[in-house]
C-alpha cells in the first residue's frame, strides 16, 4: 500500500473535524425532483442559494414539470428568473436544457457526467453536484467556498481555476467523502472561514492545523 502524502493526511483530518462540526450538511438548494436541481444550479451562478430557492417556487408554480418548462416561451421564463441576475442567458439555457430532457431523455436527467456536461449551461461544478446529490456518485464541487477554503487550508497550492482545484482534490480526498466534504466547506465558509470579513479563526475547528495560522503543512 502506498504511503499517504502529507496532503492526504491533512485532508483526512479536516474531513473528520468538519463531519463533527457539521454532521447534517447538505445541498442548500431546495429541490424534490432531480431536474429541479439542474434548474436551480444554473440560476445559482452569481446568485445566492436563498434567492434561488424563492424564485424557483414562482417558476414551478407556473411550469410544474419538464415538459411545461420546455414548452414555455423563453421571455416568460426570463421574467421570472431575472431577480437571480443574468436572466437572459439563464432563461435561454434552462429552456434549451429542458427541451433536451423532453426530447432525448424522456423528461429525466442523464445519468453520466459527460452527458450532463453536454447540457446547455451545465459546467463541471453543476455536473459534479448532480452526480453526487442525485446519483450518490463520487463528486468534487468546486464552488467559490471550496476554492477559497482548500487554498487557505493548504490542500491546494495557491491556484483558483476550478478544474485545476477539482483535479488536485481528487488526488487527496477519498472518493466517497468528496460530495459531503464540499457541502461542509460551504457551511464552514459561510459561518467561519468567510470571504468578505476577516475569518473567525479563533472559533474554527481547524485552527490548530491550518496553515493560515502559521501551522506548517
N, C-alpha and C. Protein backbone atom coordinates (compact mmCIF):
# COMPACT_ATOMS: atom_id res chain seq x y z
N UNK A 1 0.84 -1.19 0.00
CA UNK A 1 0.00 0.00 0.00
C UNK A 1 0.88 1.25 0.00
N UNK A 2 0.57 2.19 -0.88
CA UNK A 2 1.36 3.41 -0.98
C UNK A 2 1.21 4.25 0.29
N UNK A 3 2.30 4.85 0.67
CA UNK A 3 2.29 5.70 1.85
C UNK A 3 1.50 6.98 1.57
N UNK A 4 0.69 7.42 2.52
CA UNK A 4 -0.11 8.62 2.33
C UNK A 4 0.78 9.86 2.35
N UNK A 5 0.43 10.81 1.50
CA UNK A 5 1.16 12.08 1.48
C UNK A 5 0.69 12.96 2.64
N UNK A 6 1.45 14.01 2.90
CA UNK A 6 1.06 14.95 3.95
C UNK A 6 -0.29 15.59 3.65
N UNK A 7 -0.54 15.90 2.37
CA UNK A 7 -1.82 16.49 2.00
C UNK A 7 -2.97 15.52 2.21
N UNK A 8 -2.76 14.24 1.91
CA UNK A 8 -3.81 13.25 2.14
C UNK A 8 -4.13 13.12 3.63
N UNK A 9 -3.09 13.12 4.45
CA UNK A 9 -3.32 13.02 5.90
C UNK A 9 -4.00 14.28 6.44
N UNK A 10 -3.60 15.45 5.92
CA UNK A 10 -4.26 16.68 6.32
C UNK A 10 -5.72 16.68 5.89
N UNK A 11 -5.97 16.23 4.67
CA UNK A 11 -7.34 16.18 4.15
C UNK A 11 -8.22 15.28 5.02
N UNK A 12 -7.71 14.13 5.40
CA UNK A 12 -8.49 13.21 6.22
C UNK A 12 -8.81 13.81 7.58
N UNK A 13 -7.87 14.52 8.17
CA UNK A 13 -8.10 15.17 9.46
C UNK A 13 -9.15 16.27 9.32
N UNK A 14 -9.05 17.07 8.26
CA UNK A 14 -10.03 18.13 8.03
C UNK A 14 -11.42 17.55 7.81
N UNK A 15 -11.51 16.48 7.03
CA UNK A 15 -12.79 15.84 6.77
C UNK A 15 -13.45 15.40 8.07
N UNK A 16 -12.69 14.75 8.94
CA UNK A 16 -13.26 14.25 10.20
C UNK A 16 -13.70 15.39 11.11
N UNK A 17 -12.94 16.45 11.16
CA UNK A 17 -13.32 17.58 12.02
C UNK A 17 -14.56 18.29 11.49
N UNK A 18 -14.64 18.46 10.17
CA UNK A 18 -15.83 19.10 9.60
C UNK A 18 -17.06 18.21 9.74
N UNK A 19 -16.88 16.90 9.70
CA UNK A 19 -18.01 15.98 9.96
C UNK A 19 -18.58 16.21 11.34
N UNK A 20 -17.69 16.36 12.32
CA UNK A 20 -18.13 16.57 13.70
C UNK A 20 -18.81 17.92 13.86
N UNK A 21 -18.31 18.92 13.13
CA UNK A 21 -18.82 20.28 13.24
C UNK A 21 -20.15 20.46 12.51
N UNK A 22 -20.28 19.80 11.36
CA UNK A 22 -21.47 19.95 10.52
C UNK A 22 -21.99 18.56 10.12
N UNK A 23 -22.55 17.82 11.05
CA UNK A 23 -22.93 16.43 10.75
C UNK A 23 -24.03 16.29 9.71
N UNK A 24 -24.87 17.30 9.58
CA UNK A 24 -26.03 17.20 8.69
C UNK A 24 -25.92 18.08 7.45
N UNK A 25 -24.70 18.44 7.07
CA UNK A 25 -24.51 19.32 5.93
C UNK A 25 -25.07 18.69 4.65
N UNK A 26 -25.80 19.48 3.89
CA UNK A 26 -26.36 19.02 2.62
C UNK A 26 -26.50 20.21 1.68
N UNK A 27 -26.89 19.94 0.47
CA UNK A 27 -27.05 20.99 -0.52
C UNK A 27 -28.08 22.01 -0.04
N UNK A 28 -27.76 23.29 -0.15
CA UNK A 28 -28.68 24.33 0.33
C UNK A 28 -29.68 24.76 -0.75
N UNK A 29 -29.55 24.22 -1.96
CA UNK A 29 -30.57 24.43 -2.98
C UNK A 29 -31.69 23.43 -2.73
N UNK A 30 -32.91 23.92 -2.65
CA UNK A 30 -34.05 23.06 -2.32
C UNK A 30 -34.66 22.47 -3.60
N UNK A 31 -34.89 21.17 -3.57
CA UNK A 31 -35.49 20.51 -4.74
C UNK A 31 -36.11 19.18 -4.30
N UNK A 32 -37.12 18.75 -5.01
CA UNK A 32 -37.73 17.45 -4.72
C UNK A 32 -37.73 16.53 -5.94
N UNK A 33 -37.22 17.04 -7.06
CA UNK A 33 -37.03 16.24 -8.27
C UNK A 33 -35.69 16.62 -8.88
N UNK A 34 -35.06 15.65 -9.51
CA UNK A 34 -33.69 15.87 -9.99
C UNK A 34 -33.61 17.01 -10.99
N UNK A 35 -34.57 17.14 -11.89
CA UNK A 35 -34.50 18.19 -12.90
C UNK A 35 -34.55 19.58 -12.27
N UNK A 36 -35.17 19.68 -11.10
CA UNK A 36 -35.25 20.98 -10.43
C UNK A 36 -33.89 21.40 -9.90
N UNK A 37 -33.07 20.45 -9.48
CA UNK A 37 -31.71 20.80 -9.07
C UNK A 37 -30.92 21.32 -10.26
N UNK A 38 -31.16 20.74 -11.42
CA UNK A 38 -30.50 21.20 -12.64
C UNK A 38 -30.85 22.66 -12.93
N UNK A 39 -32.11 23.01 -12.75
CA UNK A 39 -32.54 24.39 -12.95
C UNK A 39 -31.93 25.31 -11.89
N UNK A 40 -32.01 24.89 -10.64
CA UNK A 40 -31.54 25.73 -9.55
C UNK A 40 -30.04 26.00 -9.62
N UNK A 41 -29.28 25.00 -9.99
CA UNK A 41 -27.83 25.21 -10.02
C UNK A 41 -27.44 26.16 -11.14
N UNK A 42 -28.21 26.20 -12.21
CA UNK A 42 -27.96 27.20 -13.26
C UNK A 42 -28.30 28.59 -12.75
N UNK A 43 -29.40 28.73 -12.04
CA UNK A 43 -29.80 30.02 -11.52
C UNK A 43 -28.86 30.52 -10.43
N UNK A 44 -28.16 29.60 -9.77
CA UNK A 44 -27.32 29.96 -8.63
C UNK A 44 -26.01 30.65 -9.04
N UNK A 45 -25.69 30.63 -10.32
CA UNK A 45 -24.47 31.32 -10.77
C UNK A 45 -24.57 32.81 -10.44
N UNK A 46 -23.63 33.31 -9.65
CA UNK A 46 -23.59 34.72 -9.24
C UNK A 46 -24.88 35.15 -8.53
N UNK A 47 -25.47 34.21 -7.81
CA UNK A 47 -26.69 34.50 -7.05
C UNK A 47 -26.68 33.62 -5.80
N UNK A 48 -27.30 34.08 -4.73
CA UNK A 48 -27.33 33.27 -3.51
C UNK A 48 -28.34 32.12 -3.63
N UNK A 49 -28.04 31.04 -2.95
CA UNK A 49 -28.97 29.90 -2.94
C UNK A 49 -30.31 30.30 -2.33
N UNK A 50 -30.28 31.17 -1.34
CA UNK A 50 -31.52 31.61 -0.69
C UNK A 50 -32.46 32.30 -1.69
N UNK A 51 -31.89 33.17 -2.51
CA UNK A 51 -32.72 33.84 -3.51
C UNK A 51 -33.24 32.85 -4.55
N UNK A 52 -32.37 31.93 -4.98
CA UNK A 52 -32.80 30.93 -5.95
C UNK A 52 -33.98 30.13 -5.41
N UNK A 53 -33.91 29.72 -4.14
CA UNK A 53 -34.99 28.92 -3.55
C UNK A 53 -36.32 29.65 -3.57
N UNK A 54 -36.27 30.96 -3.48
CA UNK A 54 -37.51 31.76 -3.53
C UNK A 54 -38.02 31.87 -4.96
N UNK A 55 -37.12 32.14 -5.89
CA UNK A 55 -37.51 32.37 -7.28
C UNK A 55 -38.07 31.10 -7.92
N UNK A 56 -37.46 29.95 -7.63
CA UNK A 56 -37.92 28.73 -8.30
C UNK A 56 -39.34 28.34 -7.88
N UNK A 57 -39.76 28.77 -6.71
CA UNK A 57 -41.15 28.49 -6.31
C UNK A 57 -42.12 29.12 -7.31
N UNK A 58 -41.82 30.35 -7.71
CA UNK A 58 -42.66 31.04 -8.68
C UNK A 58 -42.57 30.37 -10.06
N UNK A 59 -41.34 29.92 -10.40
CA UNK A 59 -41.14 29.28 -11.70
C UNK A 59 -41.93 27.98 -11.79
N UNK A 60 -41.88 27.17 -10.73
CA UNK A 60 -42.54 25.86 -10.77
C UNK A 60 -44.05 25.97 -10.57
N UNK A 61 -44.48 27.06 -9.99
CA UNK A 61 -45.92 27.28 -9.86
C UNK A 61 -46.54 27.44 -11.25
N UNK A 62 -45.78 28.11 -12.13
CA UNK A 62 -46.28 28.34 -13.48
C UNK A 62 -45.93 27.19 -14.42
N UNK A 63 -44.73 26.58 -14.20
CA UNK A 63 -44.25 25.50 -15.07
C UNK A 63 -43.85 24.31 -14.19
N UNK A 64 -44.78 23.43 -13.86
CA UNK A 64 -44.56 22.43 -12.81
C UNK A 64 -43.77 21.19 -13.22
N UNK A 65 -43.45 21.04 -14.50
CA UNK A 65 -42.70 19.85 -14.90
C UNK A 65 -41.80 20.18 -16.10
N UNK A 66 -41.01 19.20 -16.47
CA UNK A 66 -40.04 19.41 -17.55
C UNK A 66 -40.72 19.84 -18.83
N UNK A 67 -41.80 19.15 -19.20
CA UNK A 67 -42.48 19.46 -20.46
C UNK A 67 -43.02 20.89 -20.45
N UNK A 68 -43.62 21.30 -19.35
CA UNK A 68 -44.18 22.65 -19.28
C UNK A 68 -43.08 23.70 -19.43
N UNK A 69 -41.94 23.46 -18.80
CA UNK A 69 -40.84 24.42 -18.87
C UNK A 69 -40.21 24.40 -20.26
N UNK A 70 -40.14 23.22 -20.87
CA UNK A 70 -39.59 23.10 -22.22
C UNK A 70 -40.47 23.81 -23.24
N UNK A 71 -41.78 23.79 -23.01
CA UNK A 71 -42.73 24.41 -23.94
C UNK A 71 -42.87 25.91 -23.71
N UNK A 72 -42.36 26.40 -22.59
CA UNK A 72 -42.57 27.81 -22.22
C UNK A 72 -41.79 28.75 -23.12
N UNK A 73 -42.31 29.93 -23.30
CA UNK A 73 -41.61 30.99 -24.03
C UNK A 73 -40.41 31.44 -23.20
N UNK A 74 -39.26 31.58 -23.85
CA UNK A 74 -38.04 31.96 -23.13
C UNK A 74 -38.21 33.30 -22.42
N UNK A 75 -38.92 34.24 -23.06
CA UNK A 75 -39.12 35.56 -22.45
C UNK A 75 -39.93 35.45 -21.16
N UNK A 76 -40.87 34.53 -21.12
CA UNK A 76 -41.68 34.34 -19.91
C UNK A 76 -40.82 33.75 -18.78
N UNK A 77 -39.92 32.84 -19.14
CA UNK A 77 -39.00 32.29 -18.14
C UNK A 77 -38.11 33.40 -17.60
N UNK A 78 -37.62 34.24 -18.52
CA UNK A 78 -36.72 35.32 -18.12
C UNK A 78 -37.41 36.28 -17.15
N UNK A 79 -38.67 36.58 -17.37
CA UNK A 79 -39.40 37.48 -16.48
C UNK A 79 -39.36 36.99 -15.04
N UNK A 80 -39.43 35.66 -14.86
CA UNK A 80 -39.47 35.09 -13.52
C UNK A 80 -38.08 35.00 -12.91
N UNK A 81 -37.09 34.60 -13.70
CA UNK A 81 -35.76 34.34 -13.14
C UNK A 81 -34.86 35.57 -13.13
N UNK A 82 -35.32 36.69 -13.67
CA UNK A 82 -34.50 37.90 -13.75
C UNK A 82 -33.90 38.32 -12.40
N UNK A 83 -34.61 38.20 -11.27
CA UNK A 83 -34.02 38.60 -9.98
C UNK A 83 -32.77 37.81 -9.59
N UNK A 84 -32.52 36.68 -10.25
CA UNK A 84 -31.31 35.91 -9.97
C UNK A 84 -30.09 36.46 -10.72
N UNK A 85 -30.31 37.46 -11.57
CA UNK A 85 -29.21 38.01 -12.36
C UNK A 85 -28.97 37.19 -13.61
N UNK A 86 -28.40 37.84 -14.63
CA UNK A 86 -28.09 37.18 -15.91
C UNK A 86 -29.32 36.47 -16.47
N UNK A 87 -30.47 37.14 -16.33
CA UNK A 87 -31.74 36.49 -16.65
C UNK A 87 -31.85 35.98 -18.07
N UNK A 88 -31.36 36.75 -19.03
CA UNK A 88 -31.50 36.34 -20.43
C UNK A 88 -30.74 35.04 -20.71
N UNK A 89 -29.48 34.97 -20.29
CA UNK A 89 -28.68 33.78 -20.58
C UNK A 89 -29.16 32.58 -19.77
N UNK A 90 -29.58 32.82 -18.53
CA UNK A 90 -30.06 31.71 -17.71
C UNK A 90 -31.37 31.14 -18.26
N UNK A 91 -32.27 32.03 -18.67
CA UNK A 91 -33.54 31.57 -19.24
C UNK A 91 -33.32 30.79 -20.53
N UNK A 92 -32.40 31.29 -21.34
CA UNK A 92 -32.09 30.60 -22.61
C UNK A 92 -31.53 29.20 -22.34
N UNK A 93 -30.60 29.09 -21.38
CA UNK A 93 -30.01 27.78 -21.05
C UNK A 93 -31.05 26.83 -20.47
N UNK A 94 -31.88 27.33 -19.56
CA UNK A 94 -32.90 26.48 -18.93
C UNK A 94 -33.87 25.96 -19.98
N UNK A 95 -34.30 26.84 -20.87
CA UNK A 95 -35.23 26.43 -21.93
C UNK A 95 -34.60 25.36 -22.82
N UNK A 96 -33.38 25.60 -23.27
CA UNK A 96 -32.71 24.64 -24.15
C UNK A 96 -32.47 23.31 -23.43
N UNK A 97 -32.10 23.39 -22.17
CA UNK A 97 -31.83 22.18 -21.39
C UNK A 97 -33.10 21.35 -21.22
N UNK A 98 -34.20 21.99 -20.87
CA UNK A 98 -35.47 21.27 -20.68
C UNK A 98 -35.96 20.64 -21.98
N UNK A 99 -35.71 21.30 -23.10
CA UNK A 99 -36.10 20.72 -24.39
C UNK A 99 -35.31 19.43 -24.66
N UNK A 100 -34.03 19.43 -24.30
CA UNK A 100 -33.23 18.22 -24.48
C UNK A 100 -33.72 17.10 -23.56
N UNK A 101 -34.04 17.45 -22.31
CA UNK A 101 -34.57 16.43 -21.40
C UNK A 101 -35.88 15.85 -21.93
N UNK A 102 -36.71 16.72 -22.44
CA UNK A 102 -38.00 16.27 -23.00
C UNK A 102 -37.81 15.39 -24.23
N UNK A 103 -36.95 15.81 -25.14
CA UNK A 103 -36.84 15.15 -26.44
C UNK A 103 -35.90 13.95 -26.45
N UNK A 104 -34.88 13.96 -25.59
CA UNK A 104 -33.87 12.90 -25.63
C UNK A 104 -33.86 11.98 -24.42
N UNK A 105 -34.40 12.45 -23.30
CA UNK A 105 -34.27 11.66 -22.07
C UNK A 105 -35.60 11.36 -21.38
N UNK A 106 -36.69 11.50 -22.10
CA UNK A 106 -37.98 11.16 -21.53
C UNK A 106 -38.31 11.97 -20.29
N UNK A 107 -37.90 13.25 -20.29
CA UNK A 107 -38.14 14.18 -19.18
C UNK A 107 -37.38 13.81 -17.90
N UNK A 108 -36.38 12.95 -18.03
CA UNK A 108 -35.48 12.63 -16.92
C UNK A 108 -34.13 13.30 -17.17
N UNK A 109 -33.27 13.29 -16.15
CA UNK A 109 -31.94 13.84 -16.38
C UNK A 109 -30.97 12.71 -16.71
N UNK A 110 -29.98 12.98 -17.55
CA UNK A 110 -29.00 11.94 -17.89
C UNK A 110 -28.19 11.53 -16.66
N UNK A 111 -27.66 10.30 -16.72
CA UNK A 111 -27.04 9.73 -15.53
C UNK A 111 -25.52 9.67 -15.58
N UNK A 112 -24.92 10.18 -16.64
CA UNK A 112 -23.46 10.17 -16.71
C UNK A 112 -22.93 11.59 -16.69
N UNK A 113 -21.72 11.73 -16.19
CA UNK A 113 -21.09 13.05 -16.08
C UNK A 113 -20.97 13.72 -17.43
N UNK A 114 -20.52 12.98 -18.44
CA UNK A 114 -20.31 13.57 -19.76
C UNK A 114 -21.63 14.02 -20.40
N UNK A 115 -22.69 13.26 -20.19
CA UNK A 115 -23.99 13.66 -20.73
C UNK A 115 -24.49 14.93 -20.04
N UNK A 116 -24.30 15.00 -18.74
CA UNK A 116 -24.70 16.21 -18.01
C UNK A 116 -23.90 17.41 -18.50
N UNK A 117 -22.61 17.20 -18.69
CA UNK A 117 -21.72 18.28 -19.11
C UNK A 117 -22.08 18.81 -20.49
N UNK A 118 -22.74 17.98 -21.29
CA UNK A 118 -23.13 18.40 -22.65
C UNK A 118 -24.40 19.24 -22.66
N UNK A 119 -25.10 19.32 -21.53
CA UNK A 119 -26.33 20.10 -21.48
C UNK A 119 -26.02 21.60 -21.44
N UNK A 120 -26.87 22.43 -22.04
CA UNK A 120 -26.65 23.88 -22.04
C UNK A 120 -26.57 24.43 -20.62
N UNK A 121 -25.54 25.23 -20.37
CA UNK A 121 -25.40 25.88 -19.08
C UNK A 121 -24.87 25.01 -17.96
N UNK A 122 -24.51 23.78 -18.25
CA UNK A 122 -24.01 22.87 -17.22
C UNK A 122 -22.49 22.75 -17.33
N UNK A 123 -21.78 23.18 -16.30
CA UNK A 123 -20.34 23.04 -16.24
C UNK A 123 -19.94 21.92 -15.30
N UNK A 124 -18.68 21.82 -15.02
CA UNK A 124 -18.17 20.74 -14.18
C UNK A 124 -18.73 20.81 -12.76
N UNK A 125 -18.83 22.03 -12.22
CA UNK A 125 -19.36 22.18 -10.87
C UNK A 125 -20.78 21.65 -10.80
N UNK A 126 -21.61 22.04 -11.74
CA UNK A 126 -23.01 21.61 -11.74
C UNK A 126 -23.13 20.12 -11.96
N UNK A 127 -22.36 19.58 -12.91
CA UNK A 127 -22.41 18.15 -13.20
C UNK A 127 -21.97 17.33 -11.98
N UNK A 128 -20.92 17.80 -11.30
CA UNK A 128 -20.48 17.10 -10.10
C UNK A 128 -21.54 17.13 -9.01
N UNK A 129 -22.18 18.28 -8.82
CA UNK A 129 -23.21 18.39 -7.80
C UNK A 129 -24.34 17.40 -8.05
N UNK A 130 -24.76 17.29 -9.30
CA UNK A 130 -25.86 16.38 -9.64
C UNK A 130 -25.42 14.92 -9.48
N UNK A 131 -24.22 14.61 -9.93
CA UNK A 131 -23.72 13.23 -9.78
C UNK A 131 -23.67 12.84 -8.30
N UNK A 132 -23.24 13.77 -7.46
CA UNK A 132 -23.14 13.47 -6.04
C UNK A 132 -24.46 13.45 -5.32
N UNK A 133 -25.27 14.50 -5.51
CA UNK A 133 -26.51 14.63 -4.73
C UNK A 133 -27.64 13.75 -5.27
N UNK A 134 -27.74 13.63 -6.58
CA UNK A 134 -28.85 12.88 -7.16
C UNK A 134 -28.52 11.39 -7.28
N UNK A 135 -27.32 11.09 -7.74
CA UNK A 135 -26.98 9.70 -8.04
C UNK A 135 -26.05 9.06 -7.02
N UNK A 136 -25.58 9.83 -6.03
CA UNK A 136 -24.73 9.26 -4.98
C UNK A 136 -23.37 8.81 -5.46
N UNK A 137 -22.89 9.41 -6.55
CA UNK A 137 -21.59 9.06 -7.11
C UNK A 137 -20.50 9.97 -6.53
N UNK A 138 -19.25 9.55 -6.58
CA UNK A 138 -18.16 10.43 -6.13
C UNK A 138 -18.19 11.77 -6.88
N UNK A 139 -17.98 12.85 -6.14
CA UNK A 139 -18.10 14.18 -6.75
C UNK A 139 -17.26 15.18 -5.97
N UNK A 140 -16.70 16.13 -6.68
CA UNK A 140 -15.99 17.25 -6.10
C UNK A 140 -16.58 18.53 -6.69
N UNK A 141 -17.27 19.31 -5.87
CA UNK A 141 -17.95 20.51 -6.34
C UNK A 141 -17.11 21.73 -5.98
N UNK A 142 -16.43 22.29 -6.97
CA UNK A 142 -15.51 23.40 -6.71
C UNK A 142 -16.21 24.74 -6.88
N UNK A 143 -17.05 25.08 -5.90
CA UNK A 143 -17.65 26.40 -5.89
C UNK A 143 -16.70 27.39 -5.23
N UNK A 144 -17.13 28.62 -5.04
CA UNK A 144 -16.24 29.65 -4.51
C UNK A 144 -15.79 29.34 -3.09
N UNK A 145 -16.68 28.78 -2.27
CA UNK A 145 -16.30 28.42 -0.91
C UNK A 145 -15.22 27.35 -0.92
N UNK A 146 -15.43 26.32 -1.72
CA UNK A 146 -14.46 25.23 -1.81
C UNK A 146 -13.09 25.76 -2.22
N UNK A 147 -13.06 26.56 -3.27
CA UNK A 147 -11.78 27.06 -3.79
C UNK A 147 -11.07 27.91 -2.74
N UNK A 148 -11.81 28.80 -2.10
CA UNK A 148 -11.21 29.67 -1.10
C UNK A 148 -10.67 28.86 0.09
N UNK A 149 -11.46 27.94 0.59
CA UNK A 149 -11.08 27.21 1.80
C UNK A 149 -9.95 26.23 1.58
N UNK A 150 -9.97 25.49 0.48
CA UNK A 150 -8.91 24.49 0.30
C UNK A 150 -7.56 25.16 0.06
N UNK A 151 -7.58 26.39 -0.47
CA UNK A 151 -6.34 27.14 -0.57
C UNK A 151 -5.86 27.59 0.80
N UNK A 152 -6.76 28.11 1.61
CA UNK A 152 -6.39 28.54 2.95
C UNK A 152 -5.91 27.37 3.81
N UNK A 153 -6.53 26.22 3.62
CA UNK A 153 -6.21 25.05 4.42
C UNK A 153 -4.93 24.34 3.97
N UNK A 154 -4.40 24.75 2.83
CA UNK A 154 -3.19 24.13 2.33
C UNK A 154 -3.40 22.83 1.57
N UNK A 155 -4.63 22.57 1.15
CA UNK A 155 -4.90 21.35 0.38
C UNK A 155 -4.54 21.53 -1.09
N UNK A 156 -4.59 22.76 -1.57
CA UNK A 156 -4.07 23.09 -2.90
C UNK A 156 -3.10 24.26 -2.74
N UNK A 157 -2.25 24.44 -3.71
CA UNK A 157 -1.13 25.37 -3.56
C UNK A 157 -1.30 26.65 -4.35
N UNK A 158 -2.25 27.46 -3.95
CA UNK A 158 -2.35 28.81 -4.48
C UNK A 158 -2.89 28.94 -5.88
N UNK A 159 -3.72 28.00 -6.34
CA UNK A 159 -4.36 28.20 -7.63
C UNK A 159 -5.87 28.14 -7.46
N UNK A 160 -6.57 28.86 -8.34
CA UNK A 160 -8.01 29.05 -8.15
C UNK A 160 -8.86 28.64 -9.35
N UNK A 161 -8.22 28.16 -10.42
CA UNK A 161 -9.00 27.72 -11.59
C UNK A 161 -9.79 26.47 -11.18
N UNK A 162 -11.13 26.49 -11.30
CA UNK A 162 -11.95 25.42 -10.73
C UNK A 162 -11.55 24.01 -11.13
N UNK A 163 -11.27 23.78 -12.41
CA UNK A 163 -10.92 22.43 -12.83
C UNK A 163 -9.59 21.98 -12.21
N UNK A 164 -8.62 22.89 -12.11
CA UNK A 164 -7.34 22.53 -11.50
C UNK A 164 -7.54 22.17 -10.03
N UNK A 165 -8.37 22.94 -9.34
CA UNK A 165 -8.66 22.64 -7.94
C UNK A 165 -9.35 21.28 -7.83
N UNK A 166 -10.31 21.04 -8.69
CA UNK A 166 -11.01 19.74 -8.68
C UNK A 166 -10.04 18.59 -8.88
N UNK A 167 -9.19 18.69 -9.88
CA UNK A 167 -8.24 17.62 -10.16
C UNK A 167 -7.27 17.39 -9.00
N UNK A 168 -6.85 18.49 -8.35
CA UNK A 168 -5.95 18.36 -7.21
C UNK A 168 -6.65 17.66 -6.04
N UNK A 169 -7.92 17.98 -5.83
CA UNK A 169 -8.64 17.38 -4.71
C UNK A 169 -8.95 15.91 -4.96
N UNK A 170 -9.18 15.53 -6.21
CA UNK A 170 -9.41 14.11 -6.49
C UNK A 170 -8.24 13.25 -6.02
N UNK A 171 -7.04 13.83 -6.01
CA UNK A 171 -5.84 13.08 -5.63
C UNK A 171 -5.72 12.87 -4.13
N UNK A 172 -6.41 13.68 -3.34
CA UNK A 172 -6.21 13.61 -1.89
C UNK A 172 -7.48 13.36 -1.08
N UNK A 173 -8.65 13.55 -1.68
CA UNK A 173 -9.91 13.34 -0.97
C UNK A 173 -10.45 11.95 -1.31
N UNK A 174 -10.73 11.10 -0.32
CA UNK A 174 -11.33 9.80 -0.62
C UNK A 174 -12.62 9.99 -1.43
N UNK A 175 -12.80 9.24 -2.51
CA UNK A 175 -13.94 9.46 -3.40
C UNK A 175 -15.29 9.48 -2.70
N UNK A 176 -15.45 8.61 -1.71
CA UNK A 176 -16.74 8.51 -1.03
C UNK A 176 -17.01 9.72 -0.12
N UNK A 177 -15.98 10.53 0.13
CA UNK A 177 -16.13 11.68 1.02
C UNK A 177 -16.32 13.00 0.28
N UNK A 178 -16.01 13.03 -1.02
CA UNK A 178 -15.91 14.28 -1.75
C UNK A 178 -17.16 15.14 -1.72
N UNK A 179 -18.31 14.56 -2.01
CA UNK A 179 -19.53 15.35 -2.13
C UNK A 179 -19.91 16.00 -0.80
N UNK A 180 -19.95 15.20 0.27
CA UNK A 180 -20.29 15.75 1.57
C UNK A 180 -19.24 16.73 2.07
N UNK A 181 -17.98 16.45 1.79
CA UNK A 181 -16.90 17.37 2.16
C UNK A 181 -17.14 18.74 1.56
N UNK A 182 -17.50 18.79 0.29
CA UNK A 182 -17.74 20.07 -0.37
C UNK A 182 -18.95 20.79 0.21
N UNK A 183 -20.00 20.07 0.57
CA UNK A 183 -21.14 20.70 1.23
C UNK A 183 -20.71 21.30 2.57
N UNK A 184 -19.88 20.58 3.29
CA UNK A 184 -19.42 21.09 4.60
C UNK A 184 -18.53 22.31 4.43
N UNK A 185 -17.78 22.38 3.36
CA UNK A 185 -16.98 23.57 3.10
C UNK A 185 -17.88 24.80 2.91
N UNK A 186 -19.03 24.61 2.28
CA UNK A 186 -19.97 25.72 2.09
C UNK A 186 -20.45 26.21 3.46
N UNK A 187 -20.85 25.28 4.31
CA UNK A 187 -21.31 25.66 5.66
C UNK A 187 -20.20 26.40 6.41
N UNK A 188 -19.00 25.84 6.36
CA UNK A 188 -17.88 26.42 7.09
C UNK A 188 -17.48 27.78 6.51
N UNK A 189 -17.55 27.89 5.19
CA UNK A 189 -17.21 29.13 4.53
C UNK A 189 -18.19 30.25 4.83
N UNK A 190 -19.43 29.91 5.05
CA UNK A 190 -20.43 30.92 5.37
C UNK A 190 -20.36 31.34 6.84
N UNK A 191 -20.09 30.38 7.71
CA UNK A 191 -20.17 30.65 9.15
C UNK A 191 -18.85 31.11 9.76
N UNK A 192 -17.71 30.58 9.26
CA UNK A 192 -16.43 30.77 9.95
C UNK A 192 -15.35 31.31 9.02
N UNK A 193 -15.05 30.57 7.98
CA UNK A 193 -13.93 30.94 7.10
C UNK A 193 -14.46 31.81 5.97
N UNK A 194 -14.89 33.00 6.35
CA UNK A 194 -15.66 33.87 5.48
C UNK A 194 -14.79 34.59 4.45
N UNK A 195 -15.46 35.11 3.42
CA UNK A 195 -14.74 35.78 2.33
C UNK A 195 -14.71 37.29 2.51
N UNK A 196 -15.82 37.88 2.93
CA UNK A 196 -15.94 39.34 2.93
C UNK A 196 -15.58 39.98 4.27
N UNK A 197 -15.34 39.18 5.28
CA UNK A 197 -14.87 39.68 6.56
C UNK A 197 -13.61 38.90 6.92
N UNK A 198 -12.95 39.31 7.99
CA UNK A 198 -11.81 38.53 8.47
C UNK A 198 -12.32 37.19 8.96
N UNK A 199 -11.71 36.09 8.55
CA UNK A 199 -12.16 34.77 9.01
C UNK A 199 -12.14 34.68 10.54
N UNK A 200 -13.09 33.95 11.09
CA UNK A 200 -13.19 33.80 12.54
C UNK A 200 -12.33 32.64 13.01
N UNK A 201 -11.02 32.82 12.86
CA UNK A 201 -10.08 31.74 13.13
C UNK A 201 -10.14 31.28 14.59
N UNK A 202 -10.48 32.20 15.50
CA UNK A 202 -10.48 31.86 16.91
C UNK A 202 -11.54 30.82 17.27
N UNK A 203 -12.58 30.70 16.45
CA UNK A 203 -13.61 29.70 16.73
C UNK A 203 -13.65 28.58 15.69
N UNK A 204 -12.58 28.48 14.90
CA UNK A 204 -12.53 27.47 13.84
C UNK A 204 -12.06 26.14 14.39
N UNK A 205 -12.73 25.08 14.01
CA UNK A 205 -12.37 23.73 14.47
C UNK A 205 -11.07 23.24 13.85
N UNK A 206 -10.52 24.03 12.91
CA UNK A 206 -9.29 23.64 12.22
C UNK A 206 -8.12 24.55 12.57
N UNK A 207 -8.29 25.43 13.54
CA UNK A 207 -7.29 26.48 13.74
C UNK A 207 -5.91 25.98 14.15
N UNK A 208 -5.83 24.78 14.70
CA UNK A 208 -4.52 24.27 15.12
C UNK A 208 -3.80 23.49 14.02
N UNK A 209 -4.48 23.29 12.88
CA UNK A 209 -3.83 22.56 11.78
C UNK A 209 -3.84 23.36 10.48
N UNK A 210 -4.34 24.59 10.53
CA UNK A 210 -4.50 25.40 9.32
C UNK A 210 -3.26 26.23 9.05
N UNK A 211 -2.71 26.16 7.85
CA UNK A 211 -1.52 26.95 7.50
C UNK A 211 -1.75 28.46 7.63
N UNK A 212 -2.98 28.89 7.53
CA UNK A 212 -3.29 30.32 7.67
C UNK A 212 -2.85 30.85 9.03
N UNK A 213 -2.83 29.95 10.03
CA UNK A 213 -2.42 30.34 11.38
C UNK A 213 -0.93 30.08 11.64
N UNK A 214 -0.21 29.88 10.56
CA UNK A 214 1.24 29.67 10.71
C UNK A 214 1.62 28.23 10.97
N UNK A 215 0.64 27.33 10.86
CA UNK A 215 0.93 25.91 11.04
C UNK A 215 1.58 25.38 9.77
N UNK A 216 2.70 24.72 9.89
CA UNK A 216 3.39 24.20 8.71
C UNK A 216 2.63 23.01 8.16
N UNK A 217 2.61 22.93 6.80
CA UNK A 217 1.95 21.80 6.14
C UNK A 217 2.69 20.51 6.43
